[in-house]
Amino acid sequence: MLPMTLGANIGTTFTALLAALGVLAPETLQIALCHMIFNIMGILVWFPVPFMRRVVVNAACMLGFYASYWRLVPLLYILVMPRGPKTGGGQR
């Protein structure tokens, strides 16, 4: 299941890269490439080493276990997990 998830992750970032190529603005290409490289580097860190792979799978299993008993766990997970850097507004 993990290889399918990783492949879907790369597939969606590749789709974003194709969309950025359609716009041909330097900013969109830069963000799409950064997103693609970030995801590929994450796969290279987590997938090749079996121990690291088990960390991800065990964390997902534990979250699924808790979510099956307490319905508020997924909502709390979404509310508590960080949503990225809280910087000021970007350039528009």
N, C-alpha and C. Protein backbone atom coordinates (compact mmCIF):
# COMPACT_ATOMS: atom_id res chain seq x y z
N MET A 1 0.81 -1.19 0.00
CA MET A 1 0.00 0.00 0.00
C MET A 1 0.86 1.27 0.00
N LEU A 2 1.98 1.23 0.71
CA LEU A 2 2.85 2.40 0.76
C LEU A 2 3.39 2.78 -0.62
N PRO A 3 3.84 1.82 -1.46
CA PRO A 3 4.30 2.23 -2.79
C PRO A 3 3.21 2.90 -3.63
N MET A 4 1.97 2.45 -3.48
CA MET A 4 0.88 3.09 -4.22
C MET A 4 0.65 4.52 -3.73
N THR A 5 0.74 4.71 -2.44
CA THR A 5 0.56 6.04 -1.88
C THR A 5 1.68 6.97 -2.34
N LEU A 6 2.90 6.47 -2.32
CA LEU A 6 4.02 7.30 -2.76
C LEU A 6 3.92 7.61 -4.25
N GLY A 7 3.49 6.64 -5.03
CA GLY A 7 3.31 6.87 -6.46
C GLY A 7 2.22 7.89 -6.73
N ALA A 8 1.14 7.82 -5.98
CA ALA A 8 0.06 8.81 -6.15
C ALA A 8 0.55 10.20 -5.75
N ASN A 9 1.39 10.26 -4.73
CA ASN A 9 1.94 11.54 -4.30
C ASN A 9 2.80 12.15 -5.41
N ILE A 10 3.66 11.36 -6.01
CA ILE A 10 4.49 11.86 -7.11
C ILE A 10 3.62 12.20 -8.31
N GLY A 11 2.59 11.40 -8.55
CA GLY A 11 1.70 11.67 -9.69
C GLY A 11 1.00 13.00 -9.58
N THR A 12 0.53 13.34 -8.39
CA THR A 12 -0.15 14.62 -8.23
C THR A 12 0.82 15.80 -8.35
N THR A 13 2.04 15.62 -7.87
CA THR A 13 3.01 16.71 -8.02
C THR A 13 3.44 16.85 -9.47
N PHE A 14 3.47 15.75 -10.20
CA PHE A 14 3.80 15.82 -11.63
C PHE A 14 2.67 16.52 -12.39
N THR A 15 1.44 16.28 -12.00
CA THR A 15 0.32 16.98 -12.61
C THR A 15 0.43 18.49 -12.35
N ALA A 16 0.81 18.87 -11.15
CA ALA A 16 1.01 20.29 -10.85
C ALA A 16 2.15 20.86 -11.69
N LEU A 17 3.17 20.07 -11.91
CA LEU A 17 4.28 20.53 -12.76
C LEU A 17 3.82 20.74 -14.19
N LEU A 18 3.00 19.85 -14.71
CA LEU A 18 2.46 20.02 -16.06
C LEU A 18 1.58 21.27 -16.15
N ALA A 19 0.79 21.52 -15.12
CA ALA A 19 -0.04 22.73 -15.10
C ALA A 19 0.83 23.98 -15.07
N ALA A 20 1.93 23.93 -14.31
CA ALA A 20 2.84 25.07 -14.25
C ALA A 20 3.52 25.30 -15.60
N LEU A 21 3.79 24.23 -16.31
CA LEU A 21 4.38 24.38 -17.65
C LEU A 21 3.39 25.04 -18.60
N GLY A 22 2.10 24.83 -18.37
CA GLY A 22 1.08 25.47 -19.20
C GLY A 22 1.01 26.97 -18.98
N VAL A 23 1.32 27.42 -17.78
CA VAL A 23 1.26 28.84 -17.46
C VAL A 23 2.56 29.54 -17.89
N LEU A 24 3.67 28.85 -17.77
CA LEU A 24 5.01 29.36 -18.12
C LEU A 24 5.41 30.62 -17.37
N ALA A 25 4.99 30.72 -16.13
CA ALA A 25 5.47 31.80 -15.27
C ALA A 25 6.59 31.23 -14.40
N PRO A 26 7.68 31.97 -14.24
CA PRO A 26 8.80 31.43 -13.46
C PRO A 26 8.42 31.04 -12.03
N GLU A 27 7.52 31.79 -11.41
CA GLU A 27 7.14 31.49 -10.03
C GLU A 27 6.40 30.15 -9.94
N THR A 28 5.51 29.90 -10.89
CA THR A 28 4.75 28.65 -10.83
C THR A 28 5.65 27.45 -11.10
N LEU A 29 6.58 27.60 -12.02
CA LEU A 29 7.53 26.50 -12.28
C LEU A 29 8.42 26.25 -11.07
N GLN A 30 8.84 27.31 -10.42
CA GLN A 30 9.70 27.15 -9.25
C GLN A 30 8.98 26.41 -8.13
N ILE A 31 7.75 26.79 -7.84
CA ILE A 31 6.99 26.14 -6.78
C ILE A 31 6.70 24.69 -7.14
N ALA A 32 6.32 24.43 -8.40
CA ALA A 32 6.01 23.06 -8.81
C ALA A 32 7.25 22.18 -8.73
N LEU A 33 8.39 22.68 -9.15
CA LEU A 33 9.63 21.90 -9.06
C LEU A 33 10.04 21.67 -7.60
N CYS A 34 9.89 22.70 -6.76
CA CYS A 34 10.21 22.52 -5.33
C CYS A 34 9.31 21.46 -4.71
N HIS A 35 8.05 21.47 -5.06
CA HIS A 35 7.10 20.48 -4.53
C HIS A 35 7.49 19.08 -4.99
N MET A 36 7.82 18.95 -6.26
CA MET A 36 8.21 17.65 -6.81
C MET A 36 9.50 17.14 -6.15
N ILE A 37 10.50 17.99 -6.04
CA ILE A 37 11.78 17.58 -5.45
C ILE A 37 11.61 17.25 -3.96
N PHE A 38 10.79 18.03 -3.25
CA PHE A 38 10.52 17.75 -1.83
C PHE A 38 9.91 16.37 -1.67
N ASN A 39 8.94 16.03 -2.51
CA ASN A 39 8.29 14.72 -2.40
C ASN A 39 9.24 13.58 -2.79
N ILE A 40 10.05 13.78 -3.80
CA ILE A 40 11.01 12.75 -4.20
C ILE A 40 12.05 12.53 -3.10
N MET A 41 12.52 13.62 -2.49
CA MET A 41 13.48 13.48 -1.39
C MET A 41 12.84 12.76 -0.20
N GLY A 42 11.58 13.04 0.08
CA GLY A 42 10.89 12.34 1.15
C GLY A 42 10.79 10.85 0.88
N ILE A 43 10.54 10.49 -0.36
CA ILE A 43 10.48 9.07 -0.73
C ILE A 43 11.87 8.43 -0.57
N LEU A 44 12.90 9.15 -0.98
CA LEU A 44 14.25 8.60 -0.87
C LEU A 44 14.68 8.43 0.60
N VAL A 45 14.11 9.22 1.50
CA VAL A 45 14.44 9.09 2.92
C VAL A 45 13.63 7.96 3.56
N TRP A 46 12.31 7.91 3.29
CA TRP A 46 11.43 7.01 4.02
C TRP A 46 11.28 5.64 3.41
N PHE A 47 11.38 5.48 2.11
CA PHE A 47 11.02 4.21 1.49
C PHE A 47 12.14 3.17 1.42
N PRO A 48 13.38 3.51 1.08
CA PRO A 48 14.39 2.45 0.87
C PRO A 48 14.77 1.66 2.11
N VAL A 49 14.76 2.27 3.27
CA VAL A 49 15.20 1.60 4.50
C VAL A 49 13.98 0.97 5.19
N PRO A 50 13.96 -0.35 5.36
CA PRO A 50 12.78 -1.00 5.95
C PRO A 50 12.39 -0.45 7.32
N PHE A 51 13.37 -0.10 8.15
CA PHE A 51 13.04 0.45 9.46
C PHE A 51 12.27 1.77 9.32
N MET A 52 12.72 2.62 8.43
CA MET A 52 12.05 3.92 8.23
C MET A 52 10.66 3.71 7.65
N ARG A 53 10.52 2.74 6.79
CA ARG A 53 9.22 2.43 6.19
C ARG A 53 8.23 1.99 7.26
N ARG A 54 8.71 1.20 8.21
CA ARG A 54 7.83 0.73 9.29
C ARG A 54 7.36 1.87 10.18
N VAL A 55 8.17 2.90 10.35
CA VAL A 55 7.76 4.05 11.17
C VAL A 55 6.49 4.67 10.58
N VAL A 56 6.49 4.87 9.28
CA VAL A 56 5.34 5.50 8.61
C VAL A 56 4.12 4.59 8.68
N VAL A 57 4.30 3.32 8.38
CA VAL A 57 3.17 2.38 8.37
C VAL A 57 2.61 2.19 9.79
N ASN A 58 3.47 2.07 10.79
CA ASN A 58 3.00 1.91 12.17
C ASN A 58 2.25 3.15 12.66
N ALA A 59 2.73 4.33 12.28
CA ALA A 59 2.03 5.56 12.67
C ALA A 59 0.64 5.62 12.04
N ALA A 60 0.53 5.23 10.78
CA ALA A 60 -0.77 5.22 10.11
C ALA A 60 -1.70 4.18 10.74
N CYS A 61 -1.17 3.01 11.08
CA CYS A 61 -1.99 1.97 11.73
C CYS A 61 -2.47 2.42 13.10
N MET A 62 -1.59 3.07 13.85
CA MET A 62 -1.99 3.54 15.18
C MET A 62 -3.08 4.61 15.07
N LEU A 63 -2.93 5.54 14.14
CA LEU A 63 -3.94 6.57 13.96
C LEU A 63 -5.27 5.94 13.52
N GLY A 64 -5.21 4.97 12.63
CA GLY A 64 -6.43 4.28 12.21
C GLY A 64 -7.09 3.53 13.35
N PHE A 65 -6.29 2.91 14.21
CA PHE A 65 -6.83 2.20 15.37
C PHE A 65 -7.58 3.15 16.29
N TYR A 66 -6.95 4.29 16.63
CA TYR A 66 -7.60 5.25 17.51
C TYR A 66 -8.84 5.84 16.85
N ALA A 67 -8.76 6.09 15.55
CA ALA A 67 -9.92 6.66 14.84
C ALA A 67 -11.09 5.69 14.79
N SER A 68 -10.81 4.38 14.83
CA SER A 68 -11.90 3.42 14.79
C SER A 68 -12.66 3.34 16.12
N TYR A 69 -12.03 3.76 17.21
CA TYR A 69 -12.70 3.72 18.51
C TYR A 69 -13.26 5.08 18.94
N TRP A 70 -12.58 6.14 18.60
CA TRP A 70 -13.02 7.47 18.99
C TRP A 70 -13.17 8.33 17.74
N ARG A 71 -14.38 8.72 17.44
CA ARG A 71 -14.67 9.45 16.20
C ARG A 71 -14.06 10.85 16.16
N LEU A 72 -13.71 11.40 17.28
CA LEU A 72 -13.13 12.74 17.29
C LEU A 72 -11.64 12.76 16.97
N VAL A 73 -10.99 11.61 16.96
CA VAL A 73 -9.54 11.57 16.71
C VAL A 73 -9.18 12.17 15.34
N PRO A 74 -9.86 11.82 14.24
CA PRO A 74 -9.48 12.44 12.97
C PRO A 74 -9.66 13.96 12.98
N LEU A 75 -10.73 14.44 13.59
CA LEU A 75 -10.96 15.88 13.66
C LEU A 75 -9.88 16.56 14.49
N LEU A 76 -9.53 15.97 15.63
CA LEU A 76 -8.47 16.53 16.46
C LEU A 76 -7.12 16.51 15.73
N TYR A 77 -6.88 15.44 14.99
CA TYR A 77 -5.63 15.34 14.22
C TYR A 77 -5.54 16.48 13.21
N ILE A 78 -6.64 16.74 12.52
CA ILE A 78 -6.65 17.81 11.51
C ILE A 78 -6.46 19.17 12.17
N LEU A 79 -7.09 19.38 13.32
CA LEU A 79 -7.00 20.67 13.99
C LEU A 79 -5.65 20.91 14.66
N VAL A 80 -5.02 19.84 15.14
CA VAL A 80 -3.79 19.99 15.92
C VAL A 80 -2.54 20.02 15.04
N MET A 81 -2.54 19.23 13.97
CA MET A 81 -1.34 19.14 13.14
C MET A 81 -1.02 20.49 12.50
N PRO A 82 0.25 20.83 12.41
CA PRO A 82 0.61 22.13 11.82
C PRO A 82 0.23 22.20 10.35
N ARG A 83 -0.13 23.38 9.93
CA ARG A 83 -0.55 23.61 8.55
C ARG A 83 0.52 24.30 7.72
N GLY A 84 1.74 24.30 8.15
CA GLY A 84 2.81 24.95 7.40
C GLY A 84 3.25 26.22 8.13
N PRO A 85 4.22 26.90 7.58
CA PRO A 85 4.75 28.08 8.24
C PRO A 85 3.69 29.19 8.30
N LYS A 86 3.62 29.84 9.43
CA LYS A 86 2.67 30.95 9.62
C LYS A 86 3.39 32.26 9.33
N THR A 87 3.71 32.49 8.11
CA THR A 87 4.38 33.73 7.74
C THR A 87 3.34 34.74 7.33
N GLY A 88 3.77 35.93 7.19
CA GLY A 88 2.86 36.99 6.73
C GLY A 88 2.42 36.70 5.31
N GLY A 89 1.53 37.48 4.82
CA GLY A 89 1.02 37.28 3.46
C GLY A 89 2.13 37.33 2.43
N GLY A 90 1.97 36.59 1.38
CA GLY A 90 2.97 36.57 0.33
C GLY A 90 2.72 37.69 -0.68
N GLN A 91 3.60 37.79 -1.64
CA GLN A 91 3.42 38.77 -2.70
C GLN A 91 2.31 38.32 -3.61
N ARG A 92 1.54 39.24 -4.05
CA ARG A 92 0.45 38.93 -4.99
C ARG A 92 0.53 39.83 -6.17
